[in-house]
Amino acid sequence: MALKLIALDDQDLSIISAHVQDAVMKVSDLEYLPAAKRFVLTMNRFVWEARSGFLRQHNERRQSVLHFDRVLGA
């Protein structure tokens, strides 16, 4: 199941922050697209929304994309 979130205010942004707090990424996966005024980063994030038991054996990470629009410089 794909998780799609959008942030329109500070409260929304805090929810997205919680979902990506343990993400790992490479600097080479950061990309600024000046023509689109967009900053994009690809990451492998921990799947916090997955239901798990107390003794869950396998932690799951999923490749995810986070982007910011209306970016004027990076």
PDB file of N, CA and C in Angstrom:
ATOM      1  N   MET A   1       0.840  -1.170   0.000  1.00  0.00           N
ATOM      2  CA  MET A   1       0.000   0.000   0.000  1.00  0.00           C
ATOM      3  C   MET A   1       0.891   1.241   0.000  1.00  0.00           C
ATOM      4  N   ALA A   2       0.638   2.148  -0.902  1.00  0.00           N
ATOM      5  CA  ALA A   2       1.409   3.380  -1.001  1.00  0.00           C
ATOM      6  C   ALA A   2       0.889   4.391   0.005  1.00  0.00           C
ATOM      7  N   LEU A   3       1.807   5.077   0.642  1.00  0.00           N
ATOM      8  CA  LEU A   3       1.468   6.139   1.580  1.00  0.00           C
ATOM      9  C   LEU A   3       1.718   7.457   0.876  1.00  0.00           C
ATOM     10  N   LYS A   4       0.681   8.280   0.761  1.00  0.00           N
ATOM     11  CA  LYS A   4       0.816   9.583   0.108  1.00  0.00           C
ATOM     12  C   LYS A   4       0.368  10.649   1.094  1.00  0.00           C
ATOM     13  N   LEU A   5       1.279  11.554   1.408  1.00  0.00           N
ATOM     14  CA  LEU A   5       0.990  12.618   2.356  1.00  0.00           C
ATOM     15  C   LEU A   5       1.291  13.958   1.715  1.00  0.00           C
ATOM     16  N   ILE A   6       0.589  14.986   2.150  1.00  0.00           N
ATOM     17  CA  ILE A   6       0.846  16.345   1.693  1.00  0.00           C
ATOM     18  C   ILE A   6       0.814  17.257   2.916  1.00  0.00           C
ATOM     19  N   ALA A   7       1.683  18.230   2.931  1.00  0.00           N
ATOM     20  CA  ALA A   7       1.726  19.177   4.045  1.00  0.00           C
ATOM     21  C   ALA A   7       1.293  20.549   3.575  1.00  0.00           C
ATOM     22  N   LEU A   8       0.299  21.096   4.242  1.00  0.00           N
ATOM     23  CA  LEU A   8      -0.187  22.432   3.926  1.00  0.00           C
ATOM     24  C   LEU A   8       0.085  23.417   5.058  1.00  0.00           C
ATOM     25  N   ASP A   9       0.465  22.900   6.226  1.00  0.00           N
ATOM     26  CA  ASP A   9       0.768  23.775   7.362  1.00  0.00           C
ATOM     27  C   ASP A   9       1.781  23.081   8.274  1.00  0.00           C
ATOM     28  N   ASP A  10       2.140  23.742   9.356  1.00  0.00           N
ATOM     29  CA  ASP A  10       3.147  23.205  10.277  1.00  0.00           C
ATOM     30  C   ASP A  10       2.731  21.879  10.899  1.00  0.00           C
ATOM     31  N   GLN A  11       1.463  21.736  11.216  1.00  0.00           N
ATOM     32  CA  GLN A  11       0.982  20.490  11.818  1.00  0.00           C
ATOM     33  C   GLN A  11       1.115  19.325  10.834  1.00  0.00           C
ATOM     34  N   ASP A  12       0.778  19.549   9.577  1.00  0.00           N
ATOM     35  CA  ASP A  12       0.939  18.522   8.546  1.00  0.00           C
ATOM     36  C   ASP A  12       2.411  18.156   8.373  1.00  0.00           C
ATOM     37  N   LEU A  13       3.268  19.159   8.385  1.00  0.00           N
ATOM     38  CA  LEU A  13       4.697  18.929   8.212  1.00  0.00           C
ATOM     39  C   LEU A  13       5.267  18.091   9.354  1.00  0.00           C
ATOM     40  N   SER A  14       4.740  18.243  10.553  1.00  0.00           N
ATOM     41  CA  SER A  14       5.211  17.433  11.674  1.00  0.00           C
ATOM     42  C   SER A  14       4.852  15.958  11.491  1.00  0.00           C
ATOM     43  N   ILE A  15       3.745  15.669  10.841  1.00  0.00           N
ATOM     44  CA  ILE A  15       3.366  14.283  10.554  1.00  0.00           C
ATOM     45  C   ILE A  15       4.319  13.685   9.530  1.00  0.00           C
ATOM     46  N   ILE A  16       4.620  14.425   8.483  1.00  0.00           N
ATOM     47  CA  ILE A  16       5.577  13.939   7.484  1.00  0.00           C
ATOM     48  C   ILE A  16       6.942  13.739   8.125  1.00  0.00           C
ATOM     49  N   SER A  17       7.340  14.668   8.963  1.00  0.00           N
ATOM     50  CA  SER A  17       8.613  14.555   9.659  1.00  0.00           C
ATOM     51  C   SER A  17       8.698  13.264  10.470  1.00  0.00           C
ATOM     52  N   ALA A  18       7.627  12.907  11.140  1.00  0.00           N
ATOM     53  CA  ALA A  18       7.614  11.673  11.930  1.00  0.00           C
ATOM     54  C   ALA A  18       7.780  10.441  11.046  1.00  0.00           C
ATOM     55  N   HIS A  19       7.219  10.482   9.849  1.00  0.00           N
ATOM     56  CA  HIS A  19       7.312   9.330   8.946  1.00  0.00           C
ATOM     57  C   HIS A  19       8.691   9.178   8.313  1.00  0.00           C
ATOM     58  N   VAL A  20       9.454  10.237   8.223  1.00  0.00           N
ATOM     59  CA  VAL A  20      10.772  10.152   7.578  1.00  0.00           C
ATOM     60  C   VAL A  20      11.934  10.322   8.554  1.00  0.00           C
ATOM     61  N   GLN A  21      11.651  10.324   9.854  1.00  0.00           N
ATOM     62  CA  GLN A  21      12.682  10.639  10.839  1.00  0.00           C
ATOM     63  C   GLN A  21      13.865   9.686  10.830  1.00  0.00           C
ATOM     64  N   ASP A  22      13.697   8.446  10.467  1.00  0.00           N
ATOM     65  CA  ASP A  22      14.802   7.491  10.452  1.00  0.00           C
ATOM     66  C   ASP A  22      15.218   7.104   9.038  1.00  0.00           C
ATOM     67  N   ALA A  23      14.887   7.947   8.080  1.00  0.00           N
ATOM     68  CA  ALA A  23      15.219   7.654   6.689  1.00  0.00           C
ATOM     69  C   ALA A  23      16.726   7.782   6.460  1.00  0.00           C
ATOM     70  N   VAL A  24      17.198   7.005   5.501  1.00  0.00           N
ATOM     71  CA  VAL A  24      18.595   7.096   5.082  1.00  0.00           C
ATOM     72  C   VAL A  24      18.623   7.447   3.602  1.00  0.00           C
ATOM     73  N   MET A  25      19.620   8.254   3.225  1.00  0.00           N
ATOM     74  CA  MET A  25      19.729   8.669   1.830  1.00  0.00           C
ATOM     75  C   MET A  25      21.172   9.012   1.523  1.00  0.00           C
ATOM     76  N   LYS A  26      21.455   9.169   0.257  1.00  0.00           N
ATOM     77  CA  LYS A  26      22.777   9.586  -0.205  1.00  0.00           C
ATOM     78  C   LYS A  26      22.683  11.025  -0.691  1.00  0.00           C
ATOM     79  N   VAL A  27      23.750  11.763  -0.550  1.00  0.00           N
ATOM     80  CA  VAL A  27      23.781  13.131  -1.046  1.00  0.00           C
ATOM     81  C   VAL A  27      23.488  13.148  -2.548  1.00  0.00           C
ATOM     82  N   SER A  28      23.935  12.125  -3.254  1.00  0.00           N
ATOM     83  CA  SER A  28      23.705  12.065  -4.700  1.00  0.00           C
ATOM     84  C   SER A  28      22.219  11.896  -5.052  1.00  0.00           C
ATOM     85  N   ASP A  29      21.387  11.544  -4.065  1.00  0.00           N
ATOM     86  CA  ASP A  29      19.947  11.394  -4.303  1.00  0.00           C
ATOM     87  C   ASP A  29      19.173  12.693  -4.092  1.00  0.00           C
ATOM     88  N   LEU A  30      19.868  13.772  -3.733  1.00  0.00           N
ATOM     89  CA  LEU A  30      19.239  15.082  -3.599  1.00  0.00           C
ATOM     90  C   LEU A  30      19.292  15.777  -4.950  1.00  0.00           C
ATOM     91  N   GLU A  31      18.188  16.362  -5.358  1.00  0.00           N
ATOM     92  CA  GLU A  31      18.157  16.993  -6.677  1.00  0.00           C
ATOM     93  C   GLU A  31      17.323  18.266  -6.648  1.00  0.00           C
ATOM     94  N   TYR A  32      17.909  19.336  -7.155  1.00  0.00           N
ATOM     95  CA  TYR A  32      17.193  20.602  -7.298  1.00  0.00           C
ATOM     96  C   TYR A  32      16.845  20.792  -8.762  1.00  0.00           C
ATOM     97  N   LEU A  33      15.571  21.026  -9.038  1.00  0.00           N
ATOM     98  CA  LEU A  33      15.082  21.233 -10.405  1.00  0.00           C
ATOM     99  C   LEU A  33      14.636  22.691 -10.535  1.00  0.00           C
ATOM    100  N   PRO A  34      15.557  23.582 -10.918  1.00  0.00           N
ATOM    101  CA  PRO A  34      15.224  25.015 -10.923  1.00  0.00           C
ATOM    102  C   PRO A  34      14.082  25.377 -11.861  1.00  0.00           C
ATOM    103  N   ALA A  35      13.966  24.753 -13.002  1.00  0.00           N
ATOM    104  CA  ALA A  35      12.885  25.086 -13.938  1.00  0.00           C
ATOM    105  C   ALA A  35      11.518  24.777 -13.336  1.00  0.00           C
ATOM    106  N   ALA A  36      11.440  23.724 -12.536  1.00  0.00           N
ATOM    107  CA  ALA A  36      10.184  23.341 -11.891  1.00  0.00           C
ATOM    108  C   ALA A  36      10.053  23.939 -10.491  1.00  0.00           C
ATOM    109  N   LYS A  37      11.107  24.633 -10.026  1.00  0.00           N
ATOM    110  CA  LYS A  37      11.158  25.176  -8.664  1.00  0.00           C
ATOM    111  C   LYS A  37      10.859  24.084  -7.637  1.00  0.00           C
ATOM    112  N   ARG A  38      11.522  22.952  -7.814  1.00  0.00           N
ATOM    113  CA  ARG A  38      11.269  21.777  -6.981  1.00  0.00           C
ATOM    114  C   ARG A  38      12.571  21.195  -6.459  1.00  0.00           C
ATOM    115  N   PHE A  39      12.553  20.791  -5.197  1.00  0.00           N
ATOM    116  CA  PHE A  39      13.669  20.082  -4.573  1.00  0.00           C
ATOM    117  C   PHE A  39      13.183  18.675  -4.257  1.00  0.00           C
ATOM    118  N   VAL A  40      13.916  17.674  -4.753  1.00  0.00           N
ATOM    119  CA  VAL A  40      13.491  16.276  -4.643  1.00  0.00           C
ATOM    120  C   VAL A  40      14.569  15.474  -3.929  1.00  0.00           C
ATOM    121  N   LEU A  41      14.131  14.599  -3.019  1.00  0.00           N
ATOM    122  CA  LEU A  41      15.079  13.661  -2.428  1.00  0.00           C
ATOM    123  C   LEU A  41      14.461  12.283  -2.358  1.00  0.00           C
ATOM    124  N   THR A  42      15.292  11.318  -2.705  1.00  0.00           N
ATOM    125  CA  THR A  42      14.904   9.908  -2.658  1.00  0.00           C
ATOM    126  C   THR A  42      15.534   9.317  -1.408  1.00  0.00           C
ATOM    127  N   MET A  43      14.761   8.546  -0.680  1.00  0.00           N
ATOM    128  CA  MET A  43      15.247   7.996   0.583  1.00  0.00           C
ATOM    129  C   MET A  43      14.702   6.595   0.814  1.00  0.00           C
ATOM    130  N   ASN A  44      15.317   5.904   1.714  1.00  0.00           N
ATOM    131  CA  ASN A  44      14.788   4.645   2.213  1.00  0.00           C
ATOM    132  C   ASN A  44      14.327   4.923   3.634  1.00  0.00           C
ATOM    133  N   ARG A  45      13.014   4.909   3.815  1.00  0.00           N
ATOM    134  CA  ARG A  45      12.470   5.277   5.115  1.00  0.00           C
ATOM    135  C   ARG A  45      11.940   4.051   5.852  1.00  0.00           C
ATOM    136  N   PHE A  46      12.013   4.125   7.157  1.00  0.00           N
ATOM    137  CA  PHE A  46      11.465   3.073   8.002  1.00  0.00           C
ATOM    138  C   PHE A  46       9.944   3.140   7.901  1.00  0.00           C
ATOM    139  N   VAL A  47       9.290   1.984   7.807  1.00  0.00           N
ATOM    140  CA  VAL A  47       7.832   1.935   7.634  1.00  0.00           C
ATOM    141  C   VAL A  47       7.165   1.987   9.004  1.00  0.00           C
ATOM    142  N   TRP A  48       6.950   3.206   9.493  1.00  0.00           N
ATOM    143  CA  TRP A  48       6.338   3.379  10.812  1.00  0.00           C
ATOM    144  C   TRP A  48       4.877   2.995  10.818  1.00  0.00           C
ATOM    145  N   GLU A  49       4.202   3.100   9.689  1.00  0.00           N
ATOM    146  CA  GLU A  49       2.762   2.845   9.668  1.00  0.00           C
ATOM    147  C   GLU A  49       2.413   1.363   9.593  1.00  0.00           C
ATOM    148  N   ALA A  50       3.399   0.489   9.382  1.00  0.00           N
ATOM    149  CA  ALA A  50       3.135  -0.954   9.304  1.00  0.00           C
ATOM    150  C   ALA A  50       2.761  -1.478  10.684  1.00  0.00           C
ATOM    151  N   ARG A  51       1.773  -2.310  10.709  1.00  0.00           N
ATOM    152  CA  ARG A  51       1.385  -2.932  11.973  1.00  0.00           C
ATOM    153  C   ARG A  51       2.451  -3.948  12.346  1.00  0.00           C
ATOM    154  N   SER A  52       2.813  -3.919  13.599  1.00  0.00           N
ATOM    155  CA  SER A  52       3.853  -4.839  14.028  1.00  0.00           C
ATOM    156  C   SER A  52       3.572  -5.314  15.447  1.00  0.00           C
ATOM    157  N   GLY A  53       4.071  -6.480  15.722  1.00  0.00           N
ATOM    158  CA  GLY A  53       3.978  -7.018  17.066  1.00  0.00           C
ATOM    159  C   GLY A  53       5.182  -6.591  17.879  1.00  0.00           C
ATOM    160  N   PHE A  54       5.133  -6.845  19.159  1.00  0.00           N
ATOM    161  CA  PHE A  54       6.217  -6.458  20.050  1.00  0.00           C
ATOM    162  C   PHE A  54       7.525  -7.137  19.664  1.00  0.00           C
ATOM    163  N   LEU A  55       7.462  -8.365  19.228  1.00  0.00           N
ATOM    164  CA  LEU A  55       8.667  -9.127  18.888  1.00  0.00           C
ATOM    165  C   LEU A  55       8.856  -9.252  17.384  1.00  0.00           C
ATOM    166  N   ARG A  56       8.542  -8.226  16.658  1.00  0.00           N
ATOM    167  CA  ARG A  56       8.670  -8.252  15.193  1.00  0.00           C
ATOM    168  C   ARG A  56      10.129  -8.513  14.821  1.00  0.00           C
ATOM    169  N   GLN A  57      10.347  -9.466  13.930  1.00  0.00           N
ATOM    170  CA  GLN A  57      11.696  -9.883  13.557  1.00  0.00           C
ATOM    171  C   GLN A  57      12.341  -8.981  12.512  1.00  0.00           C
ATOM    172  N   HIS A  58      11.559  -8.453  11.592  1.00  0.00           N
ATOM    173  CA  HIS A  58      12.134  -7.725  10.457  1.00  0.00           C
ATOM    174  C   HIS A  58      11.624  -6.297  10.414  1.00  0.00           C
ATOM    175  N   ASN A  59      12.538  -5.366  10.470  1.00  0.00           N
ATOM    176  CA  ASN A  59      12.180  -3.974  10.262  1.00  0.00           C
ATOM    177  C   ASN A  59      12.145  -3.726   8.765  1.00  0.00           C
ATOM    178  N   GLU A  60      11.176  -2.967   8.324  1.00  0.00           N
ATOM    179  CA  GLU A  60      10.991  -2.762   6.889  1.00  0.00           C
ATOM    180  C   GLU A  60      11.313  -1.321   6.514  1.00  0.00           C
ATOM    181  N   ARG A  61      12.025  -1.164   5.422  1.00  0.00           N
ATOM    182  CA  ARG A  61      12.269   0.146   4.833  1.00  0.00           C
ATOM    183  C   ARG A  61      11.723   0.130   3.408  1.00  0.00           C
ATOM    184  N   ARG A  62      11.225   1.270   2.980  1.00  0.00           N
ATOM    185  CA  ARG A  62      10.708   1.401   1.620  1.00  0.00           C
ATOM    186  C   ARG A  62      11.345   2.611   0.958  1.00  0.00           C
ATOM    187  N   GLN A  63      11.627   2.452  -0.328  1.00  0.00           N
ATOM    188  CA  GLN A  63      12.146   3.585  -1.080  1.00  0.00           C
ATOM    189  C   GLN A  63      11.013   4.592  -1.239  1.00  0.00           C
ATOM    190  N   SER A  64      11.289   5.834  -0.918  1.00  0.00           N
ATOM    191  CA  SER A  64      10.283   6.888  -0.928  1.00  0.00           C
ATOM    192  C   SER A  64      10.865   8.151  -1.534  1.00  0.00           C
ATOM    193  N   VAL A  65       9.976   9.029  -1.960  1.00  0.00           N
ATOM    194  CA  VAL A  65      10.384  10.312  -2.529  1.00  0.00           C
ATOM    195  C   VAL A  65       9.681  11.416  -1.752  1.00  0.00           C
ATOM    196  N   LEU A  66      10.443  12.419  -1.399  1.00  0.00           N
ATOM    197  CA  LEU A  66       9.914  13.607  -0.741  1.00  0.00           C
ATOM    198  C   LEU A  66      10.282  14.786  -1.613  1.00  0.00           C
ATOM    199  N   HIS A  67       9.309  15.657  -1.910  1.00  0.00           N
ATOM    200  CA  HIS A  67       9.652  16.829  -2.711  1.00  0.00           C
ATOM    201  C   HIS A  67       8.998  18.074  -2.142  1.00  0.00           C
ATOM    202  N   PHE A  68       9.676  19.165  -2.395  1.00  0.00           N
ATOM    203  CA  PHE A  68       9.197  20.482  -1.980  1.00  0.00           C
ATOM    204  C   PHE A  68       9.027  21.321  -3.224  1.00  0.00           C
ATOM    205  N   ASP A  69       7.876  21.977  -3.342  1.00  0.00           N
ATOM    206  CA  ASP A  69       7.604  22.859  -4.478  1.00  0.00           C
ATOM    207  C   ASP A  69       7.836  24.309  -4.079  1.00  0.00           C
ATOM    208  N   ARG A  70       7.923  25.161  -5.084  1.00  0.00           N
ATOM    209  CA  ARG A  70       8.150  26.599  -4.916  1.00  0.00           C
ATOM    210  C   ARG A  70       9.487  26.912  -4.267  1.00  0.00           C
ATOM    211  N   VAL A  71      10.487  26.096  -4.574  1.00  0.00           N
ATOM    212  CA  VAL A  71      11.836  26.307  -4.046  1.00  0.00           C
ATOM    213  C   VAL A  71      12.588  27.224  -5.018  1.00  0.00           C
ATOM    214  N   LEU A  72      13.149  28.285  -4.502  1.00  0.00           N
ATOM    215  CA  LEU A  72      13.819  29.276  -5.349  1.00  0.00           C
ATOM    216  C   LEU A  72      15.318  29.078  -5.451  1.00  0.00           C
ATOM    217  N   GLY A  73      15.886  28.254  -4.577  1.00  0.00           N
ATOM    218  CA  GLY A  73      17.319  28.002  -4.636  1.00  0.00           C
ATOM    219  C   GLY A  73      17.726  26.914  -3.661  1.00  0.00           C
ATOM    220  N   ALA A  74      18.811  26.256  -4.007  1.00  0.00           N
ATOM    221  CA  ALA A  74      19.345  25.203  -3.122  1.00  0.00           C
ATOM    222  C   ALA A  74      20.842  25.107  -3.329  1.00  0.00           C
TER     223      ALA A  74
END
